[in-house]
C-alpha atoms as a PDB file:
ATOM      1  CA  MET A   1      -9.813  24.803   6.242  1.00  0.00           C
ATOM      2  CA  ALA A   2      -7.565  27.059   5.309  1.00  0.00           C
ATOM      3  CA  ARG A   3      -4.506  26.414   5.616  1.00  0.00           C
ATOM      4  CA  SER A   4      -1.453  29.224   5.476  1.00  0.00           C
ATOM      5  CA  LYS A   5       1.784  29.476   3.659  1.00  0.00           C
ATOM      6  CA  LYS A   6       4.131  26.880   6.254  1.00  0.00           C
ATOM      7  CA  GLN A   7       1.389  24.302   6.486  1.00  0.00           C
ATOM      8  CA  ARG A   8       0.975  24.322   3.065  1.00  0.00           C
ATOM      9  CA  GLY A   9       4.573  23.336   2.189  1.00  0.00           C
ATOM     10  CA  ALA A  10       4.505  21.326   5.079  1.00  0.00           C
ATOM     11  CA  LEU A  11       2.020  19.118   3.612  1.00  0.00           C
ATOM     12  CA  ALA A  12       3.323  19.443   0.011  1.00  0.00           C
ATOM     13  CA  SER A  13       7.032  18.053   1.866  1.00  0.00           C
ATOM     14  CA  ALA A  14       4.492  14.822   3.851  1.00  0.00           C
ATOM     15  CA  ILE A  15       3.066  13.938   0.797  1.00  0.00           C
ATOM     16  CA  THR A  16       6.025  14.298  -1.488  1.00  0.00           C
ATOM     17  CA  PHE A  17       7.771  12.436   0.657  1.00  0.00           C
ATOM     18  CA  GLY A  18       6.543   9.017   0.794  1.00  0.00           C
ATOM     19  CA  PHE A  19       5.034   8.580  -2.109  1.00  0.00           C
ATOM     20  CA  PHE A  20       9.389   9.460  -2.899  1.00  0.00           C
ATOM     21  CA  MET A  21      10.721   6.803  -0.385  1.00  0.00           C
ATOM     22  CA  GLY A  22       7.968   4.429  -1.585  1.00  0.00           C
ATOM     23  CA  GLU A  23       9.783   4.970  -5.618  1.00  0.00           C
ATOM     24  CA  ALA A  24      13.381   4.439  -3.617  1.00  0.00           C
ATOM     25  CA  ILE A  25      12.264   1.381  -2.687  1.00  0.00           C
ATOM     26  CA  ILE A  26      11.289   0.413  -5.720  1.00  0.00           C
ATOM     27  CA  HIS A  27      14.344   1.209  -7.570  1.00  0.00           C
ATOM     28  CA  TYR A  28      16.308  -0.014  -5.035  1.00  0.00           C
ATOM     29  CA  ASN A  29      14.450  -3.622  -5.519  1.00  0.00           C
ATOM     30  CA  MET A  30      15.127  -2.999  -8.869  1.00  0.00           C
ATOM     31  CA  GLY A  31      18.483  -3.145  -8.601  1.00  0.00           C
ATOM     32  CA  GLN A  32      18.873  -5.751  -6.386  1.00  0.00           C
ATOM     33  CA  LYS A  33      16.803  -8.025  -9.157  1.00  0.00           C
ATOM     34  CA  ALA A  34      19.193  -6.830 -12.460  1.00  0.00           C
ATOM     35  CA  ASP A  35      22.205  -8.439  -9.980  1.00  0.00           C
ATOM     36  CA  ASN A  36      20.104 -11.792  -8.934  1.00  0.00           C
ATOM     37  CA  PRO A  37      16.377 -12.713 -10.497  1.00  0.00           C
ATOM     38  CA  ASP A  38      15.579 -14.501  -7.151  1.00  0.00           C
ATOM     39  CA  HIS A  39      15.472 -11.373  -5.508  1.00  0.00           C
ATOM     40  CA  SER A  40      12.537 -11.637  -3.982  1.00  0.00           C
ATOM     41  CA  PHE A  41      10.415  -8.018  -2.904  1.00  0.00           C
ATOM     42  CA  GLU A  42      12.550  -6.156   0.598  1.00  0.00           C
ATOM     43  CA  LEU A  43      13.056  -3.562   2.918  1.00  0.00           C
ATOM     44  CA  PRO A  44      16.952  -2.620   2.427  1.00  0.00           C
ATOM     45  CA  PRO A  45      19.247  -3.512   5.112  1.00  0.00           C
ATOM     46  CA  LEU A  46      19.194  -0.126   8.025  1.00  0.00           C
ATOM     47  CA  PRO A  47      21.327   2.159   7.418  1.00  0.00           C
ATOM     48  CA  GLU A  48      20.962   2.225   3.561  1.00  0.00           C
ATOM     49  CA  LEU A  49      17.708   3.030   3.472  1.00  0.00           C
ATOM     50  CA  GLY A  50      18.079   6.153   6.309  1.00  0.00           C
ATOM     51  CA  LYS A  51      20.807   7.010   3.313  1.00  0.00           C
ATOM     52  CA  MET A  52      17.986   7.171   1.401  1.00  0.00           C
ATOM     53  CA  ALA A  53      15.148   9.167   3.829  1.00  0.00           C
ATOM     54  CA  LEU A  54      18.750  11.731   4.116  1.00  0.00           C
ATOM     55  CA  VAL A  55      17.536  12.286   0.871  1.00  0.00           C
ATOM     56  CA  VAL A  56      14.562  12.176   0.130  1.00  0.00           C
ATOM     57  CA  GLY A  57      13.504  14.048   2.763  1.00  0.00           C
ATOM     58  CA  GLY A  58      15.719  16.873   1.487  1.00  0.00           C
ATOM     59  CA  PHE A  59      14.553  17.016  -1.194  1.00  0.00           C
ATOM     60  CA  SER A  60      11.479  17.114  -0.155  1.00  0.00           C
ATOM     61  CA  ILE A  61      11.569  19.681   2.740  1.00  0.00           C
ATOM     62  CA  LEU A  62      13.256  21.455  -0.702  1.00  0.00           C
ATOM     63  CA  SER A  63      10.532  20.868  -2.179  1.00  0.00           C
ATOM     64  CA  GLY A  64       8.369  22.121   0.118  1.00  0.00           C
ATOM     65  CA  ALA A  65       9.722  25.313   0.749  1.00  0.00           C
ATOM     66  CA  VAL A  66       9.128  26.392  -2.627  1.00  0.00           C
ATOM     67  CA  ILE A  67       5.036  25.163  -2.630  1.00  0.00           C
ATOM     68  CA  GLY A  68       5.295  28.299  -0.295  1.00  0.00           C
ATOM     69  CA  LEU A  69       7.262  30.710  -1.734  1.00  0.00           C
ATOM     70  CA  VAL A  70       5.241  30.158  -4.895  1.00  0.00           C
ATOM     71  CA  ASP A  71       1.264  29.666  -4.007  1.00  0.00           C
END
């Protein structure tokens, strides 16, 4: 199925968001573990998770837009 430039950009944004949000959560837990060796993997508190999602989402949209332009 052929996708439009807009659809390809949106798909790239969604995939980028998924991968990099996962990476952000892993890095959050690595930082928590450095301060507390007994820390176990968990999602950040909701306000922190929201901040991460905003940053990752913004860059994901930017990445998708650039991919849409150069594709």
